[in-house]
Amino acid sequence: MDKLAIRGGKRLSGEVTISGAKNAALPILCAGLLTADDLRLKNIPHLQDVLTITKLMKQMGLRVQENGDETVLNGNDITKLEAPYELVKTMRASILVLGPLLARFGEAKVSLPGGCAIGSRPVDQHIKGLQAMGAEIHIDAGYIYAKAKRLKGARIVTDMITVTGTENLLMAAALAEGETVLENAAREPEVGDLANLLVKMGAKIEGIGSDRLVIQGVDKLHGAAHEVIADRIETGTFLCAVAAAGGDVTLRRTRSGLLDAALDKLREAGAILTSGEDWIRIQMAARPKAVSFRTTEYPGFPTDMQAQFMALNCIADGTSHVTETIFENRFMHVQELNRLGAAIDIEGNTSIVRGVDKFIGAPVMATDLRASASLVIAGLAAQGETVVERIYHLDRGYDRMEAKLSAIGADIERIK
């Protein structure tokens, strides 16, 4: 199993090119199931999760072709309407095939999903919405069985804001008969990116970017070309890395408007940020200041940036309070950061972080995707060597992170 060895204390300088957003690419790839025509996609990131979802859809009959920087999908020969446990167990986003299969083919058999152990993230909101659209659904032996001659438009109010739930119902509604209204919809940029692709494919969607989506169903969708938006979480992770280690780095092919809440907290921590249409520059010359925050749905502070900011707070001047409201198990990185010399106490869903002068390198173990990123950030700022084990979590969501960090001056290597 691969590890990362990081020898900390190096200031970072240079440029990093940000990859396409994982959380946009996965539902957009699933949209390939909605049409028999070619879908031409650019800026798909090279990630383990992308390989997993691609493998899943290939076995259904979706054709996937790589033409340089373009990925071409064709759904003309889909014959198997099943997502088996063997593939779904490693990635919760696999549930995103349910809506498209049901809407276009009238049936689907999808294993209940797995993924990171950061919380329950139930799929009941997906099921409730599809049932409101007329689907017959039952769960047996760990599988969701769904059938519908044709989905009917409905007004759907989810009990909670759910990103994948919004995406699944949005794709299903695009081919449903009549009007569907999604209330309490997720507003994340990745949801908007999927909606914009669907419009290019012939869907009729109003309210993109808001919490109320109105979809007029169409009989069929056609092919389209689309470029996936920049990964705002990768962007934020690299910004936190520079804020922790110090330096002057420019991030290319990204936009500041995707993560305003996180940028505000970086400024509060003492970072100097400047930006243009497709770049962000961060300069950090002093010890960071402690910043308190509370995770919440977009446009609030993203739960996917909580662990990275906690690593920054560990070596900041002052005490901070970090409150997690989205996932109940998302403090598993705390004990690993404490192994590096951090001083963190947990009270319910809040971590109290008392800043220390420095991290001291030690072996640590990644427990989930964003936790692994926080340990890399800590290693970059630590005195001595930090070895991060189980980095298969990292590879699920970051495209060659160690190569990008090496290019801006980090002393980091992958150990096979």
Protein backbone atom coordinates (compact mmCIF):
# COMPACT_ATOMS: atom_id res chain seq x y z
CA MET A 1 0.00 0.00 0.00
CA ASP A 2 1.44 3.39 -1.01
CA LYS A 3 2.61 5.97 1.54
CA LEU A 4 3.77 9.58 1.37
CA ALA A 5 7.01 10.62 3.05
CA ILE A 6 7.15 14.36 3.74
CA ARG A 7 10.13 16.24 5.12
CA GLY A 8 8.62 19.48 6.35
CA GLY A 9 9.81 23.04 6.79
CA LYS A 10 10.10 24.01 3.11
CA ARG A 11 8.49 27.23 1.91
CA LEU A 12 6.38 26.80 -1.20
CA SER A 13 6.68 28.93 -4.32
CA GLY A 14 5.67 28.71 -7.98
CA GLU A 15 2.50 27.72 -9.81
CA VAL A 16 -0.02 24.88 -9.53
CA THR A 17 -2.63 23.94 -12.14
CA ILE A 18 -5.91 22.93 -10.52
CA SER A 19 -7.73 19.89 -11.93
CA GLY A 20 -11.40 19.49 -12.79
CA ALA A 21 -13.79 19.08 -9.87
CA LYS A 22 -14.26 15.50 -8.69
CA ASN A 23 -17.70 16.31 -7.31
CA ALA A 24 -18.78 17.76 -10.65
CA ALA A 25 -17.14 15.12 -12.85
CA LEU A 26 -18.87 12.14 -11.18
CA PRO A 27 -22.50 13.23 -11.79
CA ILE A 28 -21.55 14.60 -15.22
CA LEU A 29 -20.14 11.20 -16.20
CA CYS A 30 -23.37 9.58 -14.99
CA ALA A 31 -25.27 11.95 -17.31
CA GLY A 32 -23.78 9.89 -20.14
CA LEU A 33 -26.47 7.30 -19.32
CA LEU A 34 -29.22 9.76 -20.28
CA THR A 35 -28.58 9.84 -24.04
CA ALA A 36 -27.67 7.55 -26.93
CA ASP A 37 -25.52 10.33 -28.44
CA ASP A 38 -21.91 11.34 -27.82
CA LEU A 39 -21.09 13.38 -24.73
CA ARG A 40 -17.74 15.17 -25.15
CA LEU A 41 -16.20 16.14 -21.83
CA LYS A 42 -13.05 18.09 -21.00
CA ASN A 43 -11.20 18.68 -17.71
CA ILE A 44 -12.14 15.29 -16.25
CA PRO A 45 -9.64 14.73 -13.38
CA HIS A 46 -7.42 11.63 -13.20
CA LEU A 47 -8.73 10.16 -9.95
CA GLN A 48 -9.53 6.76 -8.50
CA ASP A 49 -13.19 7.70 -8.06
CA VAL A 50 -13.40 8.66 -11.75
CA LEU A 51 -11.89 5.30 -12.74
CA THR A 52 -14.40 3.51 -10.49
CA ILE A 53 -17.49 5.25 -11.90
CA THR A 54 -16.17 4.79 -15.45
CA LYS A 55 -15.61 1.07 -14.85
CA LEU A 56 -19.13 0.79 -13.43
CA MET A 57 -20.74 2.40 -16.46
CA LYS A 58 -18.59 0.50 -18.96
CA GLN A 59 -19.95 -2.75 -17.59
CA MET A 60 -23.44 -1.39 -18.23
CA GLY A 61 -22.51 -0.91 -21.88
CA LEU A 62 -21.55 2.78 -21.92
CA ARG A 63 -18.69 3.37 -24.36
CA VAL A 64 -15.87 5.50 -22.94
CA GLN A 65 -13.11 6.77 -25.19
CA GLU A 66 -10.14 8.96 -24.28
CA ASN A 67 -9.11 11.36 -27.06
CA GLY A 68 -6.23 13.39 -25.67
CA ASP A 69 -7.72 15.76 -23.11
CA GLU A 70 -11.28 14.86 -24.14
CA THR A 71 -13.40 12.00 -22.76
CA VAL A 72 -16.14 10.84 -25.12
CA LEU A 73 -19.11 8.90 -23.73
CA ASN A 74 -21.71 7.07 -25.82
CA GLY A 75 -24.77 5.44 -24.29
CA ASN A 76 -26.25 3.81 -27.39
CA ASP A 77 -25.48 0.24 -26.32
CA ILE A 78 -26.44 0.13 -22.63
CA THR A 79 -27.81 -3.32 -21.81
CA LYS A 80 -27.10 -3.97 -18.12
CA LEU A 81 -29.17 -1.81 -15.76
CA GLU A 82 -27.33 -2.82 -12.59
CA ALA A 83 -24.68 -1.31 -10.32
CA PRO A 84 -23.18 -4.23 -8.35
CA TYR A 85 -21.89 -4.07 -4.79
CA GLU A 86 -18.32 -4.90 -5.85
CA LEU A 87 -17.98 -1.50 -7.53
CA VAL A 88 -20.43 0.60 -5.51
CA LYS A 89 -18.97 -0.35 -2.11
CA THR A 90 -15.91 1.89 -2.57
CA MET A 91 -17.76 5.05 -3.58
CA ARG A 92 -21.05 6.55 -2.47
CA ALA A 93 -21.41 8.65 -5.63
CA SER A 94 -22.30 5.42 -7.47
CA ILE A 95 -25.90 6.04 -6.36
CA LEU A 96 -25.95 8.71 -9.11
CA VAL A 97 -26.64 6.05 -11.76
CA LEU A 98 -30.08 5.37 -10.21
CA GLY A 99 -31.91 8.44 -11.53
CA PRO A 100 -30.57 8.31 -15.11
CA LEU A 101 -31.18 4.54 -15.51
CA LEU A 102 -34.72 4.78 -14.16
CA ALA A 103 -35.57 7.86 -16.25
CA ARG A 104 -34.27 6.52 -19.57
CA PHE A 105 -34.80 2.76 -19.29
CA GLY A 106 -37.61 2.45 -16.74
CA GLU A 107 -35.75 0.25 -14.29
CA ALA A 108 -32.56 -0.03 -12.23
CA LYS A 109 -30.90 -2.28 -9.67
CA VAL A 110 -28.33 -0.38 -7.62
CA SER A 111 -26.41 -1.58 -4.58
CA LEU A 112 -26.64 0.54 -1.46
CA PRO A 113 -23.45 2.62 -1.55
CA GLY A 114 -20.24 2.63 0.50
CA GLY A 115 -17.32 5.09 0.58
CA CYS A 116 -15.63 7.10 3.34
CA ALA A 117 -16.65 6.32 6.92
CA ILE A 118 -17.38 9.98 7.77
CA GLY A 119 -21.13 9.64 8.26
CA SER A 120 -24.30 7.82 7.31
CA ARG A 121 -25.37 10.00 4.32
CA PRO A 122 -28.58 8.00 3.79
CA VAL A 123 -30.10 7.61 0.32
CA ASP A 124 -33.67 7.87 1.58
CA GLN A 125 -34.05 11.36 0.06
CA HIS A 126 -33.20 9.97 -3.39
CA ILE A 127 -35.78 7.20 -2.96
CA LYS A 128 -38.45 9.53 -1.57
CA GLY A 129 -38.06 11.89 -4.55
CA LEU A 130 -38.19 9.12 -7.16
CA GLN A 131 -41.25 7.62 -5.49
CA ALA A 132 -42.95 11.02 -5.66
CA MET A 133 -42.28 10.85 -9.42
CA GLY A 134 -44.12 7.53 -9.62
CA ALA A 135 -41.32 4.99 -9.25
CA GLU A 136 -41.94 1.67 -7.51
CA ILE A 137 -38.96 1.06 -5.26
CA HIS A 138 -38.07 -1.63 -2.76
CA ILE A 139 -34.85 -2.61 -1.03
CA ASP A 140 -33.83 -6.25 -0.77
CA ALA A 141 -30.52 -7.88 0.24
CA GLY A 142 -28.64 -4.58 0.05
CA TYR A 143 -29.96 -3.55 -3.37
CA ILE A 144 -32.36 -0.83 -4.48
CA TYR A 145 -34.83 -2.16 -7.08
CA ALA A 146 -36.62 0.59 -8.98
CA LYS A 147 -39.20 0.52 -11.79
CA ALA A 148 -41.30 3.13 -13.62
CA LYS A 149 -42.90 3.03 -17.08
CA ARG A 150 -42.17 6.74 -17.25
CA LEU A 151 -41.44 9.08 -14.37
CA LYS A 152 -44.00 11.86 -13.81
CA GLY A 153 -43.19 15.40 -12.78
CA ALA A 154 -43.77 16.22 -9.10
CA ARG A 155 -43.07 18.82 -6.44
CA ILE A 156 -40.34 17.39 -4.22
CA VAL A 157 -39.28 18.90 -0.90
CA THR A 158 -36.31 17.05 0.59
CA ASP A 159 -36.06 16.80 4.39
CA MET A 160 -32.46 17.96 4.21
CA ILE A 161 -30.16 19.59 1.69
CA THR A 162 -28.48 16.78 -0.24
CA VAL A 163 -26.05 17.33 -3.09
CA THR A 164 -26.19 13.86 -4.66
CA GLY A 165 -29.93 13.72 -3.99
CA THR A 166 -30.45 16.97 -5.91
CA GLU A 167 -28.25 15.70 -8.76
CA ASN A 168 -30.02 12.32 -8.99
CA LEU A 169 -33.49 13.88 -9.02
CA LEU A 170 -32.38 16.58 -11.46
CA MET A 171 -31.20 13.96 -13.99
CA ALA A 172 -34.36 11.90 -13.49
CA ALA A 173 -36.63 14.96 -13.89
CA ALA A 174 -34.96 15.93 -17.17
CA LEU A 175 -36.63 12.93 -18.87
CA ALA A 176 -39.82 12.80 -16.74
CA GLU A 177 -43.25 13.66 -18.11
CA GLY A 178 -44.35 17.16 -17.08
CA GLU A 179 -42.95 19.65 -14.57
CA THR A 180 -40.80 18.78 -11.58
CA VAL A 181 -40.04 21.32 -8.85
CA LEU A 182 -37.11 20.55 -6.53
CA GLU A 183 -37.43 22.58 -3.32
CA ASN A 184 -34.59 22.81 -0.78
CA ALA A 185 -32.19 21.94 -3.61
CA ALA A 186 -28.43 21.99 -3.04
CA ARG A 187 -26.79 25.15 -4.42
CA GLU A 188 -23.22 23.85 -4.76
CA PRO A 189 -21.34 24.93 -7.93
CA GLU A 190 -21.03 21.25 -8.89
CA VAL A 191 -24.84 20.94 -9.00
CA GLY A 192 -24.93 24.02 -11.22
CA ASP A 193 -22.28 22.52 -13.50
CA LEU A 194 -24.38 19.38 -13.98
CA ALA A 195 -27.49 21.49 -14.65
CA ASN A 196 -25.62 23.55 -17.25
CA LEU A 197 -24.55 20.35 -19.03
CA LEU A 198 -28.11 19.01 -19.00
CA VAL A 199 -29.33 22.26 -20.58
CA LYS A 200 -26.75 21.80 -23.34
CA MET A 201 -28.20 18.29 -23.82
CA GLY A 202 -31.68 19.73 -24.32
CA ALA A 203 -33.07 19.78 -20.77
CA LYS A 204 -35.29 22.65 -19.66
CA ILE A 205 -34.18 23.85 -16.23
CA GLU A 206 -34.88 27.13 -14.42
CA GLY A 207 -33.39 28.38 -11.18
CA ILE A 208 -29.84 27.05 -11.64
CA GLY A 209 -27.74 28.11 -8.67
CA SER A 210 -30.79 28.59 -6.42
CA ASP A 211 -32.51 26.32 -3.90
CA ARG A 212 -35.56 25.91 -6.19
CA LEU A 213 -35.09 24.10 -9.48
CA VAL A 214 -37.94 23.88 -11.98
CA ILE A 215 -37.54 21.22 -14.68
CA GLN A 216 -39.82 20.72 -17.69
CA GLY A 217 -39.32 17.12 -18.77
CA VAL A 218 -38.42 16.31 -22.38
CA ASP A 219 -38.81 13.09 -24.37
CA LYS A 220 -35.09 12.65 -25.05
CA LEU A 221 -31.73 14.31 -24.54
CA HIS A 222 -29.02 14.69 -27.17
CA GLY A 223 -25.23 14.85 -27.19
CA ALA A 224 -23.23 17.90 -26.07
CA ALA A 225 -19.73 19.19 -25.29
CA HIS A 226 -18.83 20.47 -21.84
CA GLU A 227 -15.80 21.43 -19.73
CA VAL A 228 -15.93 20.50 -16.04
CA ILE A 229 -15.45 23.39 -13.58
CA ALA A 230 -12.31 23.71 -11.44
CA ASP A 231 -12.10 21.74 -8.20
CA ARG A 232 -12.76 24.24 -5.43
CA ILE A 233 -11.72 21.74 -2.74
CA GLU A 234 -8.36 21.04 -4.41
CA THR A 235 -7.98 24.81 -4.72
CA GLY A 236 -8.69 25.32 -1.03
CA THR A 237 -6.40 22.46 -0.04
CA PHE A 238 -3.40 23.96 -1.85
CA LEU A 239 -4.17 27.39 -0.39
CA CYS A 240 -4.17 25.87 3.11
CA ALA A 241 -0.88 24.09 2.35
CA VAL A 242 0.78 27.41 1.48
CA ALA A 243 -0.80 29.13 4.49
CA ALA A 244 0.61 26.42 6.78
CA ALA A 245 4.08 26.06 5.23
CA GLY A 246 4.53 29.68 4.11
CA GLY A 247 5.35 30.89 0.63
CA ASP A 248 4.06 32.54 -2.53
CA VAL A 249 2.07 30.36 -4.95
CA THR A 250 -0.29 31.06 -7.86
CA LEU A 251 -3.06 28.58 -8.63
CA ARG A 252 -4.08 28.41 -12.30
CA ARG A 253 -7.34 27.29 -13.97
CA THR A 254 -9.49 28.02 -10.92
CA ARG A 255 -11.89 30.74 -9.77
CA SER A 256 -12.10 32.57 -6.46
CA GLY A 257 -15.91 32.79 -6.70
CA LEU A 258 -16.18 29.03 -6.09
CA LEU A 259 -15.02 29.21 -2.46
CA ASP A 260 -15.67 32.67 -1.02
CA ALA A 261 -16.28 31.43 2.56
CA ALA A 262 -12.93 29.60 2.69
CA LEU A 263 -11.05 32.56 1.17
CA ASP A 264 -12.52 34.88 3.81
CA LYS A 265 -11.17 32.60 6.54
CA LEU A 266 -7.73 32.46 4.90
CA ARG A 267 -7.60 36.27 4.87
CA GLU A 268 -8.63 36.23 8.53
CA ALA A 269 -5.74 33.82 9.16
CA GLY A 270 -3.31 36.35 7.68
CA ALA A 271 -2.93 35.21 4.06
CA ILE A 272 -2.63 37.83 1.32
CA LEU A 273 -4.88 36.79 -1.57
CA THR A 274 -5.19 38.28 -5.04
CA SER A 275 -7.12 36.83 -7.95
CA GLY A 276 -8.11 37.19 -11.58
CA GLU A 277 -10.58 35.49 -13.87
CA ASP A 278 -8.88 32.07 -13.72
CA TRP A 279 -6.15 32.35 -11.07
CA ILE A 280 -5.61 32.91 -7.33
CA ARG A 281 -2.33 33.97 -5.73
CA ILE A 282 -1.58 33.39 -2.04
CA GLN A 283 1.29 34.94 -0.08
CA MET A 284 2.00 33.89 3.49
CA ALA A 285 4.99 35.20 5.40
CA ALA A 286 3.97 34.92 9.06
CA ARG A 287 2.47 32.42 11.47
CA PRO A 288 -1.26 32.03 10.79
CA LYS A 289 -3.87 33.42 13.18
CA ALA A 290 -6.47 31.03 14.60
CA VAL A 291 -9.86 31.14 12.85
CA SER A 292 -13.13 29.67 14.13
CA PHE A 293 -15.80 28.42 11.73
CA ARG A 294 -18.89 26.27 11.37
CA THR A 295 -19.42 23.98 8.37
CA THR A 296 -22.68 24.35 6.50
CA GLU A 297 -24.18 23.93 3.05
CA TYR A 298 -23.03 26.11 0.15
CA PRO A 299 -22.48 29.05 0.07
CA GLY A 300 -21.35 28.57 3.68
CA PHE A 301 -18.06 27.05 4.82
CA PRO A 302 -17.63 23.63 3.12
CA THR A 303 -17.38 20.48 5.22
CA ASP A 304 -14.81 19.23 2.67
CA MET A 305 -12.41 22.00 3.85
CA GLN A 306 -12.85 21.46 7.59
CA ALA A 307 -9.93 19.05 8.09
CA GLN A 308 -7.48 21.17 6.05
CA PHE A 309 -8.31 24.32 8.03
CA MET A 310 -8.03 22.40 11.27
CA ALA A 311 -4.44 21.47 10.33
CA LEU A 312 -3.77 25.18 9.77
CA ASN A 313 -5.37 26.10 13.10
CA CYS A 314 -3.16 23.59 14.94
CA ILE A 315 -0.06 25.75 14.35
CA ALA A 316 -1.86 29.09 14.47
CA ASP A 317 -1.55 31.83 17.05
CA GLY A 318 -4.55 31.50 19.37
CA THR A 319 -7.43 29.12 20.06
CA SER A 320 -10.16 28.24 17.57
CA HIS A 321 -13.50 26.43 17.63
CA VAL A 322 -14.36 24.20 14.66
CA THR A 323 -17.98 23.03 14.53
CA GLU A 324 -18.99 20.25 12.11
CA THR A 325 -22.71 20.22 11.23
CA ILE A 326 -22.79 18.03 8.09
CA PHE A 327 -21.15 14.68 8.95
CA GLU A 328 -21.22 13.07 12.37
CA ASN A 329 -17.89 11.21 12.08
CA ARG A 330 -15.76 13.88 10.49
CA PHE A 331 -13.23 14.38 13.29
CA MET A 332 -11.27 11.16 12.74
CA HIS A 333 -8.19 13.18 11.72
CA VAL A 334 -8.03 14.77 15.19
CA GLN A 335 -6.17 11.90 16.88
CA GLU A 336 -3.69 11.75 13.99
CA LEU A 337 -3.02 15.51 14.15
CA ASN A 338 -2.54 15.14 17.92
CA ARG A 339 0.13 12.51 17.17
CA LEU A 340 2.03 15.27 15.36
CA GLY A 341 1.89 17.51 18.44
CA ALA A 342 -1.43 19.29 17.99
CA ALA A 343 -3.59 20.20 21.00
CA ILE A 344 -7.19 19.42 20.04
CA ASP A 345 -10.09 18.52 22.30
CA ILE A 346 -13.51 17.38 21.06
CA GLU A 347 -16.77 18.43 22.72
CA GLY A 348 -19.74 17.01 20.84
CA ASN A 349 -19.58 18.27 17.26
CA THR A 350 -17.03 20.99 18.09
CA SER A 351 -13.25 20.71 18.20
CA ILE A 352 -11.32 23.18 20.37
CA VAL A 353 -7.90 23.75 18.81
CA ARG A 354 -5.16 25.42 20.84
CA GLY A 355 -2.38 26.52 18.51
CA VAL A 356 1.12 25.11 19.11
CA ASP A 357 4.43 26.45 17.79
CA LYS A 358 5.04 23.57 15.40
CA PHE A 359 4.15 20.05 14.36
CA ILE A 360 6.73 17.30 14.97
CA GLY A 361 6.94 14.67 12.21
CA ALA A 362 5.63 11.16 12.96
CA PRO A 363 3.91 8.24 11.20
CA VAL A 364 0.18 8.91 10.73
CA MET A 365 -2.70 7.11 9.04
CA ALA A 366 -5.29 8.59 6.70
CA THR A 367 -8.89 7.70 7.60
CA ASP A 368 -10.77 9.39 4.75
CA LEU A 369 -10.23 11.61 1.72
CA ARG A 370 -10.09 15.09 3.30
CA ALA A 371 -8.45 13.81 6.49
CA SER A 372 -5.55 12.56 4.36
CA ALA A 373 -5.18 16.04 2.85
CA SER A 374 -5.02 17.57 6.34
CA LEU A 375 -2.20 15.19 7.29
CA VAL A 376 -0.24 16.16 4.17
CA ILE A 377 -0.65 19.83 5.09
CA ALA A 378 0.51 19.09 8.63
CA GLY A 379 3.52 17.19 7.27
CA LEU A 380 4.51 20.13 5.07
CA ALA A 381 4.57 22.39 8.13
CA ALA A 382 6.16 19.85 10.51
CA GLN A 383 9.70 19.63 11.80
CA GLY A 384 11.26 16.37 10.62
CA GLU A 385 9.69 13.57 8.59
CA THR A 386 6.00 12.66 8.46
CA VAL A 387 4.87 9.43 6.81
CA VAL A 388 1.20 9.35 5.77
CA GLU A 389 -0.11 5.81 5.35
CA ARG A 390 -3.23 4.55 3.49
CA ILE A 391 -3.11 7.31 0.89
CA TYR A 392 -5.49 5.43 -1.40
CA HIS A 393 -8.00 7.79 0.23
CA LEU A 394 -6.01 10.75 -1.14
CA ASP A 395 -5.91 9.28 -4.65
CA ARG A 396 -9.71 9.14 -4.68
CA GLY A 397 -9.93 12.93 -4.77
CA TYR A 398 -6.57 14.50 -5.65
CA ASP A 399 -4.82 14.25 -9.01
CA ARG A 400 -1.09 13.54 -8.36
CA MET A 401 -0.95 15.73 -5.27
CA GLU A 402 2.64 14.83 -4.45
CA ALA A 403 3.82 15.79 -7.97
CA LYS A 404 2.09 19.16 -7.77
CA LEU A 405 3.55 19.83 -4.32
CA SER A 406 7.04 18.79 -5.42
CA ALA A 407 6.85 21.28 -8.29
CA ILE A 408 6.38 24.17 -5.82
CA GLY A 409 9.23 23.15 -3.51
CA ALA A 410 7.84 20.53 -1.12
CA ASP A 411 10.10 17.65 -0.09
CA ILE A 412 7.60 14.86 -0.64
CA GLU A 413 7.77 11.42 -2.23
CA ARG A 414 5.46 8.47 -2.79
CA ILE A 415 6.72 5.20 -1.36
CA LYS A 416 5.34 2.17 -3.20
